[in-house]
PDB file of N, CA and C in Angstrom:
ATOM      1  N   UNK A   1      38.819-180.792 105.325  1.00  0.00           N
ATOM      2  CA  UNK A   1      37.885-181.373 106.285  1.00  0.00           C
ATOM      3  C   UNK A   1      37.950-182.889 106.204  1.00  0.00           C
ATOM      4  N   UNK A   2      37.968-183.524 107.328  1.00  0.00           N
ATOM      5  CA  UNK A   2      37.995-184.981 107.383  1.00  0.00           C
ATOM      6  C   UNK A   2      36.598-185.471 107.778  1.00  0.00           C
ATOM      7  N   UNK A   3      35.825-185.972 106.832  1.00  0.00           N
ATOM      8  CA  UNK A   3      34.442-186.350 107.145  1.00  0.00           C
ATOM      9  C   UNK A   3      34.339-187.505 108.143  1.00  0.00           C
ATOM     10  N   UNK A   4      35.395-188.261 108.314  1.00  0.00           N
ATOM     11  CA  UNK A   4      35.366-189.383 109.242  1.00  0.00           C
ATOM     12  C   UNK A   4      35.691-188.952 110.670  1.00  0.00           C
ATOM     13  N   UNK A   5      36.282-187.774 110.843  1.00  0.00           N
ATOM     14  CA  UNK A   5      36.679-187.295 112.168  1.00  0.00           C
ATOM     15  C   UNK A   5      35.559-186.438 112.757  1.00  0.00           C
ATOM     16  N   UNK A   6      34.464-187.086 113.056  1.00  0.00           N
ATOM     17  CA  UNK A   6      33.310-186.421 113.653  1.00  0.00           C
ATOM     18  C   UNK A   6      33.481-186.467 115.163  1.00  0.00           C
ATOM     19  N   UNK A   7      33.734-185.300 115.742  1.00  0.00           N
ATOM     20  CA  UNK A   7      34.064-185.231 117.162  1.00  0.00           C
ATOM     21  C   UNK A   7      32.831-185.064 118.033  1.00  0.00           C
ATOM     22  N   UNK A   8      32.899-185.625 119.227  1.00  0.00           N
ATOM     23  CA  UNK A   8      31.857-185.439 120.222  1.00  0.00           C
ATOM     24  C   UNK A   8      32.043-184.075 120.890  1.00  0.00           C
ATOM     25  N   UNK A   9      31.030-183.654 121.612  1.00  0.00           N
ATOM     26  CA  UNK A   9      31.041-182.343 122.271  1.00  0.00           C
ATOM     27  C   UNK A   9      32.214-182.172 123.235  1.00  0.00           C
ATOM     28  N   UNK A  10      32.647-183.266 123.867  1.00  0.00           N
ATOM     29  CA  UNK A  10      33.738-183.192 124.845  1.00  0.00           C
ATOM     30  C   UNK A  10      35.107-183.508 124.238  1.00  0.00           C
ATOM     31  N   UNK A  11      35.207-183.404 122.893  1.00  0.00           N
ATOM     32  CA  UNK A  11      36.454-183.711 122.197  1.00  0.00           C
ATOM     33  C   UNK A  11      36.949-182.500 121.407  1.00  0.00           C
ATOM     34  N   UNK A  12      38.218-182.562 121.049  1.00  0.00           N
ATOM     35  CA  UNK A  12      38.832-181.493 120.263  1.00  0.00           C
ATOM     36  C   UNK A  12      39.615-182.117 119.107  1.00  0.00           C
ATOM     37  N   UNK A  13      39.814-181.338 118.060  1.00  0.00           N
ATOM     38  CA  UNK A  13      40.585-181.799 116.910  1.00  0.00           C
ATOM     39  C   UNK A  13      42.036-181.997 117.329  1.00  0.00           C
ATOM     40  N   UNK A  14      42.594-183.179 117.056  1.00  0.00           N
ATOM     41  CA  UNK A  14      43.988-183.411 117.434  1.00  0.00           C
ATOM     42  C   UNK A  14      44.954-182.670 116.516  1.00  0.00           C
ATOM     43  N   UNK A  15      46.151-182.467 117.027  1.00  0.00           N
ATOM     44  CA  UNK A  15      47.242-181.845 116.280  1.00  0.00           C
ATOM     45  C   UNK A  15      48.305-182.919 116.068  1.00  0.00           C
ATOM     46  N   UNK A  16      48.932-182.917 114.899  1.00  0.00           N
ATOM     47  CA  UNK A  16      50.032-183.845 114.653  1.00  0.00           C
ATOM     48  C   UNK A  16      51.260-183.331 115.407  1.00  0.00           C
ATOM     49  N   UNK A  17      51.716-184.110 116.373  1.00  0.00           N
ATOM     50  CA  UNK A  17      52.875-183.743 117.185  1.00  0.00           C
ATOM     51  C   UNK A  17      54.176-184.228 116.565  1.00  0.00           C
ATOM     52  N   UNK A  18      54.081-185.339 115.856  1.00  0.00           N
ATOM     53  CA  UNK A  18      55.272-185.927 115.243  1.00  0.00           C
ATOM     54  C   UNK A  18      54.825-186.751 114.048  1.00  0.00           C
ATOM     55  N   UNK A  19      55.634-186.748 113.008  1.00  0.00           N
ATOM     56  CA  UNK A  19      55.364-187.575 111.830  1.00  0.00           C
ATOM     57  C   UNK A  19      56.683-187.940 111.168  1.00  0.00           C
ATOM     58  N   UNK A  20      56.841-189.205 110.911  1.00  0.00           N
ATOM     59  CA  UNK A  20      58.009-189.708 110.212  1.00  0.00           C
ATOM     60  C   UNK A  20      57.489-190.571 109.069  1.00  0.00           C
ATOM     61  N   UNK A  21      57.527-190.007 107.855  1.00  0.00           N
ATOM     62  CA  UNK A  21      57.012-190.764 106.710  1.00  0.00           C
ATOM     63  C   UNK A  21      57.894-191.959 106.442  1.00  0.00           C
ATOM     64  N   UNK A  22      57.335-193.075 106.133  1.00  0.00           N
ATOM     65  CA  UNK A  22      55.909-193.397 106.055  1.00  0.00           C
ATOM     66  C   UNK A  22      55.434-194.234 107.240  1.00  0.00           C
ATOM     67  N   UNK A  23      56.160-194.182 108.374  1.00  0.00           N
ATOM     68  CA  UNK A  23      55.927-195.167 109.434  1.00  0.00           C
ATOM     69  C   UNK A  23      55.231-194.687 110.697  1.00  0.00           C
ATOM     70  N   UNK A  24      55.212-193.385 110.969  1.00  0.00           N
ATOM     71  CA  UNK A  24      54.800-192.941 112.300  1.00  0.00           C
ATOM     72  C   UNK A  24      54.042-191.624 112.245  1.00  0.00           C
ATOM     73  N   UNK A  25      52.958-191.564 113.021  1.00  0.00           N
ATOM     74  CA  UNK A  25      52.237-190.309 113.251  1.00  0.00           C
ATOM     75  C   UNK A  25      51.826-190.296 114.722  1.00  0.00           C
ATOM     76  N   UNK A  26      52.040-189.174 115.394  1.00  0.00           N
ATOM     77  CA  UNK A  26      51.610-189.025 116.787  1.00  0.00           C
ATOM     78  C   UNK A  26      50.666-187.841 116.858  1.00  0.00           C
ATOM     79  N   UNK A  27      49.485-188.091 117.399  1.00  0.00           N
ATOM     80  CA  UNK A  27      48.467-187.053 117.596  1.00  0.00           C
ATOM     81  C   UNK A  27      48.488-186.558 119.030  1.00  0.00           C
ATOM     82  N   UNK A  28      48.072-185.307 119.192  1.00  0.00           N
ATOM     83  CA  UNK A  28      47.780-184.777 120.523  1.00  0.00           C
ATOM     84  C   UNK A  28      46.447-185.356 120.983  1.00  0.00           C
ATOM     85  N   UNK A  29      46.059-185.000 122.164  1.00  0.00           N
ATOM     86  CA  UNK A  29      44.854-185.543 122.779  1.00  0.00           C
ATOM     87  C   UNK A  29      43.575-185.115 122.075  1.00  0.00           C
ATOM     88  N   UNK A  30      42.625-186.023 122.039  1.00  0.00           N
ATOM     89  CA  UNK A  30      41.264-185.713 121.591  1.00  0.00           C
ATOM     90  C   UNK A  30      40.443-185.085 122.719  1.00  0.00           C
ATOM     91  N   UNK A  31      40.923-185.226 123.945  1.00  0.00           N
ATOM     92  CA  UNK A  31      40.130-184.857 125.114  1.00  0.00           C
ATOM     93  C   UNK A  31      40.751-183.697 125.877  1.00  0.00           C
ATOM     94  N   UNK A  32      40.106-182.540 125.883  1.00  0.00           N
ATOM     95  CA  UNK A  32      40.623-181.401 126.652  1.00  0.00           C
ATOM     96  C   UNK A  32      40.794-181.733 128.141  1.00  0.00           C
ATOM     97  N   UNK A  33      39.988-182.654 128.643  1.00  0.00           N
ATOM     98  CA  UNK A  33      40.105-183.046 130.053  1.00  0.00           C
ATOM     99  C   UNK A  33      41.351-183.886 130.321  1.00  0.00           C
ATOM    100  N   UNK A  34      41.969-184.438 129.270  1.00  0.00           N
ATOM    101  CA  UNK A  34      43.210-185.208 129.383  1.00  0.00           C
ATOM    102  C   UNK A  34      44.206-184.723 128.330  1.00  0.00           C
ATOM    103  N   UNK A  35      44.732-183.491 128.485  1.00  0.00           N
ATOM    104  CA  UNK A  35      45.642-182.952 127.474  1.00  0.00           C
ATOM    105  C   UNK A  35      46.952-183.729 127.361  1.00  0.00           C
ATOM    106  N   UNK A  36      47.230-184.591 128.343  1.00  0.00           N
ATOM    107  CA  UNK A  36      48.443-185.404 128.325  1.00  0.00           C
ATOM    108  C   UNK A  36      48.321-186.639 127.432  1.00  0.00           C
ATOM    109  N   UNK A  37      47.122-186.979 127.009  1.00  0.00           N
ATOM    110  CA  UNK A  37      46.925-188.173 126.182  1.00  0.00           C
ATOM    111  C   UNK A  37      47.545-187.966 124.805  1.00  0.00           C
ATOM    112  N   UNK A  38      48.156-189.019 124.305  1.00  0.00           N
ATOM    113  CA  UNK A  38      48.740-189.014 122.964  1.00  0.00           C
ATOM    114  C   UNK A  38      48.342-190.309 122.273  1.00  0.00           C
ATOM    115  N   UNK A  39      48.157-190.232 120.966  1.00  0.00           N
ATOM    116  CA  UNK A  39      47.821-191.413 120.181  1.00  0.00           C
ATOM    117  C   UNK A  39      48.912-191.585 119.135  1.00  0.00           C
ATOM    118  N   UNK A  40      49.594-192.716 119.211  1.00  0.00           N
ATOM    119  CA  UNK A  40      50.678-192.998 118.274  1.00  0.00           C
ATOM    120  C   UNK A  40      50.199-194.027 117.265  1.00  0.00           C
ATOM    121  N   UNK A  41      50.383-193.709 115.990  1.00  0.00           N
ATOM    122  CA  UNK A  41      50.033-194.611 114.901  1.00  0.00           C
ATOM    123  C   UNK A  41      51.326-195.131 114.283  1.00  0.00           C
ATOM    124  N   UNK A  42      51.485-196.443 114.289  1.00  0.00           N
ATOM    125  CA  UNK A  42      52.640-197.088 113.663  1.00  0.00           C
ATOM    126  C   UNK A  42      52.132-197.821 112.426  1.00  0.00           C
ATOM    127  N   UNK A  43      52.725-197.501 111.271  1.00  0.00           N
ATOM    128  CA  UNK A  43      52.307-198.089 110.003  1.00  0.00           C
ATOM    129  C   UNK A  43      53.431-198.943 109.439  1.00  0.00           C
ATOM    130  N   UNK A  44      53.058-200.129 108.973  1.00  0.00           N
ATOM    131  CA  UNK A  44      54.007-201.042 108.370  1.00  0.00           C
ATOM    132  C   UNK A  44      53.455-201.469 107.020  1.00  0.00           C
ATOM    133  N   UNK A  45      54.235-201.243 105.979  1.00  0.00           N
ATOM    134  CA  UNK A  45      53.793-201.610 104.635  1.00  0.00           C
ATOM    135  C   UNK A  45      54.350-202.945 104.212  1.00  0.00           C
ATOM    136  N   UNK A  46      53.595-203.617 103.381  1.00  0.00           N
ATOM    137  CA  UNK A  46      54.027-204.900 102.847  1.00  0.00           C
ATOM    138  C   UNK A  46      53.317-205.165 101.541  1.00  0.00           C
ATOM    139  N   UNK A  47      53.573-206.316 100.951  1.00  0.00           N
ATOM    140  CA  UNK A  47      52.969-206.614  99.655  1.00  0.00           C
ATOM    141  C   UNK A  47      51.444-206.691  99.706  1.00  0.00           C
ATOM    142  N   UNK A  48      50.879-206.998 100.859  1.00  0.00           N
ATOM    143  CA  UNK A  48      49.428-207.109 100.981  1.00  0.00           C
ATOM    144  C   UNK A  48      48.739-205.832 101.400  1.00  0.00           C
ATOM    145  N   UNK A  49      49.482-204.756 101.614  1.00  0.00           N
ATOM    146  CA  UNK A  49      48.888-203.502 102.041  1.00  0.00           C
ATOM    147  C   UNK A  49      49.620-202.924 103.233  1.00  0.00           C
ATOM    148  N   UNK A  50      48.905-202.120 104.003  1.00  0.00           N
ATOM    149  CA  UNK A  50      49.491-201.444 105.152  1.00  0.00           C
ATOM    150  C   UNK A  50      48.817-201.935 106.430  1.00  0.00           C
ATOM    151  N   UNK A  51      49.625-202.185 107.445  1.00  0.00           N
ATOM    152  CA  UNK A  51      49.115-202.554 108.756  1.00  0.00           C
ATOM    153  C   UNK A  51      49.246-201.340 109.663  1.00  0.00           C
ATOM    154  N   UNK A  52      48.176-201.040 110.390  1.00  0.00           N
ATOM    155  CA  UNK A  52      48.163-199.900 111.301  1.00  0.00           C
ATOM    156  C   UNK A  52      47.965-200.404 112.723  1.00  0.00           C
ATOM    157  N   UNK A  53      48.829-199.954 113.612  1.00  0.00           N
ATOM    158  CA  UNK A  53      48.681-200.200 115.048  1.00  0.00           C
ATOM    159  C   UNK A  53      48.650-198.841 115.727  1.00  0.00           C
ATOM    160  N   UNK A  54      47.734-198.672 116.670  1.00  0.00           N
ATOM    161  CA  UNK A  54      47.728-197.422 117.421  1.00  0.00           C
ATOM    162  C   UNK A  54      47.909-197.724 118.895  1.00  0.00           C
ATOM    163  N   UNK A  55      48.520-196.757 119.580  1.00  0.00           N
ATOM    164  CA  UNK A  55      48.788-196.873 121.009  1.00  0.00           C
ATOM    165  C   UNK A  55      48.348-195.587 121.681  1.00  0.00           C
ATOM    166  N   UNK A  56      47.546-195.730 122.723  1.00  0.00           N
ATOM    167  CA  UNK A  56      47.115-194.595 123.538  1.00  0.00           C
ATOM    168  C   UNK A  56      48.019-194.507 124.750  1.00  0.00           C
ATOM    169  N   UNK A  57      48.615-193.338 124.969  1.00  0.00           N
ATOM    170  CA  UNK A  57      49.492-193.115 126.126  1.00  0.00           C
ATOM    171  C   UNK A  57      48.958-191.942 126.937  1.00  0.00           C
ATOM    172  N   UNK A  58      49.028-192.079 128.249  1.00  0.00           N
ATOM    173  CA  UNK A  58      48.659-190.982 129.152  1.00  0.00           C
ATOM    174  C   UNK A  58      49.684-190.911 130.267  1.00  0.00           C
ATOM    175  N   UNK A  59      49.841-189.733 130.811  1.00  0.00           N
ATOM    176  CA  UNK A  59      50.747-189.555 131.951  1.00  0.00           C
ATOM    177  C   UNK A  59      50.037-189.963 133.239  1.00  0.00           C
ATOM    178  N   UNK A  60      50.815-190.140 134.285  1.00  0.00           N
ATOM    179  CA  UNK A  60      50.238-190.394 135.609  1.00  0.00           C
ATOM    180  C   UNK A  60      49.632-189.114 136.138  1.00  0.00           C
ATOM    181  N   UNK A  61      48.562-189.181 136.873  1.00  0.00           N
ATOM    182  CA  UNK A  61      47.858-190.384 137.267  1.00  0.00           C
ATOM    183  C   UNK A  61      47.008-190.922 136.119  1.00  0.00           C
ATOM    184  N   UNK A  62      47.043-192.227 135.961  1.00  0.00           N
ATOM    185  CA  UNK A  62      46.266-192.875 134.898  1.00  0.00           C
ATOM    186  C   UNK A  62      44.775-192.733 135.185  1.00  0.00           C
ATOM    187  N   UNK A  63      43.978-192.640 134.130  1.00  0.00           N
ATOM    188  CA  UNK A  63      42.524-192.592 134.331  1.00  0.00           C
ATOM    189  C   UNK A  63      42.024-193.917 134.916  1.00  0.00           C
ATOM    190  N   UNK A  64      40.824-193.885 135.451  1.00  0.00           N
ATOM    191  CA  UNK A  64      40.236-195.120 135.963  1.00  0.00           C
ATOM    192  C   UNK A  64      39.937-196.060 134.791  1.00  0.00           C
ATOM    193  N   UNK A  65      39.688-197.316 135.094  1.00  0.00           N
ATOM    194  CA  UNK A  65      39.491-198.331 134.061  1.00  0.00           C
ATOM    195  C   UNK A  65      38.359-197.994 133.101  1.00  0.00           C
ATOM    196  N   UNK A  66      37.246-197.480 133.612  1.00  0.00           N
ATOM    197  CA  UNK A  66      36.113-197.132 132.743  1.00  0.00           C
ATOM    198  C   UNK A  66      36.487-196.047 131.742  1.00  0.00           C
ATOM    199  N   UNK A  67      37.271-195.074 132.178  1.00  0.00           N
ATOM    200  CA  UNK A  67      37.700-193.985 131.294  1.00  0.00           C
ATOM    201  C   UNK A  67      38.646-194.507 130.224  1.00  0.00           C
ATOM    202  N   UNK A  68      39.558-195.379 130.603  1.00  0.00           N
ATOM    203  CA  UNK A  68      40.482-195.962 129.625  1.00  0.00           C
ATOM    204  C   UNK A  68      39.714-196.745 128.572  1.00  0.00           C
ATOM    205  N   UNK A  69      38.759-197.530 128.998  1.00  0.00           N
ATOM    206  CA  UNK A  69      37.942-198.299 128.057  1.00  0.00           C
ATOM    207  C   UNK A  69      37.203-197.355 127.113  1.00  0.00           C
ATOM    208  N   UNK A  70      36.635-196.279 127.641  1.00  0.00           N
ATOM    209  CA  UNK A  70      35.903-195.311 126.818  1.00  0.00           C
ATOM    210  C   UNK A  70      36.832-194.650 125.800  1.00  0.00           C
ATOM    211  N   UNK A  71      38.033-194.266 126.239  1.00  0.00           N
ATOM    212  CA  UNK A  71      38.986-193.615 125.334  1.00  0.00           C
ATOM    213  C   UNK A  71      39.418-194.566 124.221  1.00  0.00           C
ATOM    214  N   UNK A  72      39.749-195.797 124.588  1.00  0.00           N
ATOM    215  CA  UNK A  72      40.163-196.788 123.577  1.00  0.00           C
ATOM    216  C   UNK A  72      39.036-197.083 122.595  1.00  0.00           C
ATOM    217  N   UNK A  73      37.833-197.216 123.117  1.00  0.00           N
ATOM    218  CA  UNK A  73      36.686-197.492 122.253  1.00  0.00           C
ATOM    219  C   UNK A  73      36.468-196.352 121.264  1.00  0.00           C
ATOM    220  N   UNK A  74      36.647-195.134 121.724  1.00  0.00           N
ATOM    221  CA  UNK A  74      36.449-193.965 120.857  1.00  0.00           C
ATOM    222  C   UNK A  74      37.498-193.918 119.743  1.00  0.00           C
ATOM    223  N   UNK A  75      38.758-194.183 120.067  1.00  0.00           N
ATOM    224  CA  UNK A  75      39.790-194.219 119.034  1.00  0.00           C
ATOM    225  C   UNK A  75      39.485-195.330 118.042  1.00  0.00           C
ATOM    226  N   UNK A  76      39.096-196.471 118.550  1.00  0.00           N
ATOM    227  CA  UNK A  76      38.738-197.594 117.684  1.00  0.00           C
ATOM    228  C   UNK A  76      37.609-197.211 116.736  1.00  0.00           C
ATOM    229  N   UNK A  77      36.601-196.524 117.249  1.00  0.00           N
ATOM    230  CA  UNK A  77      35.475-196.087 116.416  1.00  0.00           C
ATOM    231  C   UNK A  77      35.940-195.124 115.316  1.00  0.00           C
ATOM    232  N   UNK A  78      36.757-194.151 115.685  1.00  0.00           N
ATOM    233  CA  UNK A  78      37.216-193.161 114.702  1.00  0.00           C
ATOM    234  C   UNK A  78      38.112-193.775 113.636  1.00  0.00           C
ATOM    235  N   UNK A  79      39.052-194.604 114.049  1.00  0.00           N
ATOM    236  CA  UNK A  79      40.058-195.121 113.125  1.00  0.00           C
ATOM    237  C   UNK A  79      39.609-196.402 112.435  1.00  0.00           C
ATOM    238  N   UNK A  80      39.165-197.385 113.210  1.00  0.00           N
ATOM    239  CA  UNK A  80      38.852-198.696 112.649  1.00  0.00           C
ATOM    240  C   UNK A  80      37.440-198.793 112.079  1.00  0.00           C
ATOM    241  N   UNK A  81      36.644-197.773 112.264  1.00  0.00           N
ATOM    242  CA  UNK A  81      35.312-197.755 111.655  1.00  0.00           C
ATOM    243  C   UNK A  81      35.195-196.546 110.724  1.00  0.00           C
ATOM    244  N   UNK A  82      35.085-195.359 111.276  1.00  0.00           N
ATOM    245  CA  UNK A  82      34.834-194.162 110.457  1.00  0.00           C
ATOM    246  C   UNK A  82      35.856-193.969 109.344  1.00  0.00           C
ATOM    247  N   UNK A  83      37.138-193.964 109.670  1.00  0.00           N
ATOM    248  CA  UNK A  83      38.177-193.763 108.653  1.00  0.00           C
ATOM    249  C   UNK A  83      38.189-194.917 107.661  1.00  0.00           C
ATOM    250  N   UNK A  84      38.152-196.111 108.160  1.00  0.00           N
ATOM    251  CA  UNK A  84      38.211-197.297 107.299  1.00  0.00           C
ATOM    252  C   UNK A  84      37.074-197.320 106.292  1.00  0.00           C
ATOM    253  N   UNK A  85      35.883-196.926 106.708  1.00  0.00           N
ATOM    254  CA  UNK A  85      34.716-196.952 105.825  1.00  0.00           C
ATOM    255  C   UNK A  85      34.795-195.907 104.721  1.00  0.00           C
ATOM    256  N   UNK A  86      35.712-194.931 104.826  1.00  0.00           N
ATOM    257  CA  UNK A  86      35.841-193.922 103.765  1.00  0.00           C
ATOM    258  C   UNK A  86      36.658-194.431 102.590  1.00  0.00           C
ATOM    259  N   UNK A  87      37.401-195.516 102.757  1.00  0.00           N
ATOM    260  CA  UNK A  87      38.210-196.048 101.660  1.00  0.00           C
ATOM    261  C   UNK A  87      37.290-196.663 100.600  1.00  0.00           C
ATOM    262  N   UNK A  88      37.601-196.352  99.367  1.00  0.00           N
ATOM    263  CA  UNK A  88      36.820-196.882  98.257  1.00  0.00           C
ATOM    264  C   UNK A  88      35.612-196.053  97.897  1.00  0.00           C
ATOM    265  N   UNK A  89      35.429-194.924  98.563  1.00  0.00           N
ATOM    266  CA  UNK A  89      34.277-194.068  98.253  1.00  0.00           C
ATOM    267  C   UNK A  89      34.623-193.090  97.177  1.00  0.00           C
TER     268      UNK A  89
END
């Protein structure tokens, strides 16, 4: 169980679609309403730690601007807040 991955009612647990250790992980969609959405995590290690960049991709037709903002904000909340706050516990 991942205590940081607290899903909303309109979300689903993602599946790992691709993983290349130690640099890449691709998740399936969090949103059943947008099964085409994918979240790619690119990790780069260095002497100061690991840098994480994520990219949200969707197929055409693209969602409206408000939906894109909501999706990005949600990923940011899960990864850059919830997950991050679990380190050191």
